[in-house]
Amino acid sequence: MAVSLAVIVAPLAPSAAAATVTVVDGLPNGGYPQWLVLIALVGGYPAALVLGLPAFFTLRSGWGQKCIHVTVAGGIIAAAPWLLFVLIGPNPEMATSGEHVTVVGGAKTILGWLDGMRMVG
């Protein structure tokens, strides 16, 4: 019971925080409820089900009785959706970050990859 409740509730907290930041930054397209659902369905629940449950059962079996193991597993679970997005996500035709060009002709530049990895980190 506690595991199923954790899988349902745990992705909502970071999804709510990310949706709040998105709405506060002024991005339109439906407002807070739509961003919350989008972020939870794309980044929260798939990672919780595909990575979180196996990590939970592995750590529970006695391998992860140290705080560092739990912390590393949580970091991997949180970063995995963003890493996947950086690696296979769509690119615009042209993009910049500050004064640096990150995408040219639909392909990421070195600075684009570094910016993406910074986001994952």
Protein backbone atom coordinates (compact mmCIF):
# COMPACT_ATOMS: atom_id res chain seq x y z
CA MET A 1 0.00 0.00 0.00
CA ALA A 2 2.74 2.45 0.93
CA VAL A 3 4.70 1.68 -2.25
CA SER A 4 1.72 2.30 -4.51
CA LEU A 5 0.93 5.54 -2.67
CA ALA A 6 4.55 6.62 -3.05
CA VAL A 7 4.52 5.89 -6.79
CA ILE A 8 1.33 7.93 -7.18
CA VAL A 9 2.23 10.90 -4.96
CA ALA A 10 6.03 11.23 -5.28
CA PRO A 11 6.13 12.45 -8.92
CA LEU A 12 3.52 15.12 -8.17
CA ALA A 13 5.74 17.26 -5.90
CA PRO A 14 8.53 17.96 -8.42
CA SER A 15 5.95 18.20 -11.22
CA ALA A 16 4.05 20.84 -9.25
CA ALA A 17 7.26 22.78 -8.59
CA ALA A 18 8.28 22.65 -12.27
CA ALA A 19 4.79 23.69 -13.39
CA THR A 20 4.89 26.62 -10.96
CA VAL A 21 8.25 27.77 -12.33
CA THR A 22 6.97 27.40 -15.90
CA VAL A 23 3.87 29.50 -15.23
CA VAL A 24 5.80 32.12 -13.22
CA ASP A 25 8.32 32.45 -16.08
CA GLY A 26 5.40 33.51 -18.25
CA LEU A 27 5.07 30.57 -20.62
CA PRO A 28 1.48 30.40 -21.86
CA ASN A 29 -0.31 27.37 -23.35
CA GLY A 30 -2.98 26.47 -20.84
CA GLY A 31 -1.67 27.56 -17.48
CA TYR A 32 -0.77 25.64 -14.38
CA PRO A 33 -3.04 22.53 -14.59
CA GLN A 34 -1.98 21.74 -18.13
CA TRP A 35 1.73 22.13 -17.32
CA LEU A 36 1.35 20.00 -14.18
CA VAL A 37 -0.24 17.14 -16.12
CA LEU A 38 2.27 17.42 -18.97
CA ILE A 39 5.33 17.41 -16.73
CA ALA A 40 3.96 14.59 -14.55
CA LEU A 41 3.06 12.40 -17.53
CA VAL A 42 6.28 13.01 -19.47
CA GLY A 43 8.90 13.26 -16.73
CA GLY A 44 7.44 12.07 -13.46
CA TYR A 45 5.45 8.87 -13.81
CA PRO A 46 7.50 7.07 -16.48
CA ALA A 47 10.67 7.53 -14.44
CA ALA A 48 8.90 6.45 -11.26
CA LEU A 49 7.59 3.28 -12.86
CA VAL A 50 10.52 2.29 -15.08
CA LEU A 51 13.38 3.29 -12.77
CA GLY A 52 11.87 4.00 -9.36
CA LEU A 53 10.17 0.69 -8.66
CA PRO A 54 13.17 -1.49 -9.61
CA ALA A 55 15.45 0.83 -7.61
CA PHE A 56 13.14 0.59 -4.61
CA PHE A 57 13.07 -3.19 -4.63
CA THR A 58 16.82 -3.42 -5.26
CA LEU A 59 17.64 -1.05 -2.42
CA ARG A 60 15.11 -2.71 -0.14
CA SER A 61 16.68 -6.14 -0.70
CA GLY A 62 19.66 -5.12 1.42
CA TRP A 63 21.98 -3.64 -1.19
CA GLY A 64 21.10 -0.03 -0.44
CA GLN A 65 21.26 0.25 3.29
CA LYS A 66 23.49 3.33 3.05
CA CYS A 67 22.31 6.87 2.49
CA ILE A 68 24.68 7.36 -0.45
CA HIS A 69 23.06 4.51 -2.40
CA VAL A 70 19.59 5.99 -1.94
CA THR A 71 20.82 9.46 -2.88
CA VAL A 72 22.56 8.28 -6.06
CA ALA A 73 19.52 6.22 -7.09
CA GLY A 74 17.24 9.23 -6.55
CA GLY A 75 19.53 11.46 -8.59
CA ILE A 76 19.60 8.99 -11.48
CA ILE A 77 15.82 8.63 -11.43
CA ALA A 78 15.36 12.42 -11.43
CA ALA A 79 17.91 13.11 -14.20
CA ALA A 80 16.94 10.27 -16.57
CA PRO A 81 13.95 11.96 -18.27
CA TRP A 82 15.96 15.14 -18.88
CA LEU A 83 18.92 13.17 -20.23
CA LEU A 84 16.61 11.35 -22.62
CA PHE A 85 15.10 14.66 -23.74
CA VAL A 86 18.56 16.16 -24.39
CA LEU A 87 19.73 13.10 -26.32
CA ILE A 88 16.70 12.42 -28.54
CA GLY A 89 14.47 15.47 -28.11
CA PRO A 90 13.57 17.70 -31.03
CA ASN A 91 15.74 20.67 -31.95
CA PRO A 92 14.61 24.00 -33.37
CA GLU A 93 16.14 25.31 -36.60
CA MET A 94 18.18 27.92 -34.67
CA ALA A 95 18.65 28.57 -30.95
CA THR A 96 20.85 30.60 -28.64
CA SER A 97 21.51 30.64 -24.93
CA GLY A 98 22.65 34.05 -23.85
CA GLU A 99 25.30 35.05 -26.36
CA HIS A 100 26.10 31.48 -27.42
CA VAL A 101 24.61 29.68 -30.42
CA THR A 102 23.39 26.25 -29.29
CA VAL A 103 21.54 24.97 -32.38
CA VAL A 104 22.36 25.66 -36.03
CA GLY A 105 20.37 24.14 -38.87
CA GLY A 106 18.53 21.80 -36.50
CA ALA A 107 21.74 20.30 -35.08
CA LYS A 108 23.19 20.99 -31.64
CA THR A 109 26.58 22.68 -31.44
CA ILE A 110 29.18 21.79 -28.81
CA LEU A 111 27.77 24.57 -26.64
CA GLY A 112 24.29 23.13 -27.20
CA TRP A 113 25.38 19.75 -25.87
CA LEU A 114 27.16 21.36 -22.93
CA ASP A 115 24.07 23.45 -22.15
CA GLY A 116 21.92 20.33 -22.30
CA MET A 117 24.24 18.41 -19.97
CA ARG A 118 24.28 21.38 -17.58
CA MET A 119 20.49 21.18 -17.47
CA VAL A 120 20.64 17.44 -16.72
CA GLY A 121 23.24 18.00 -14.00
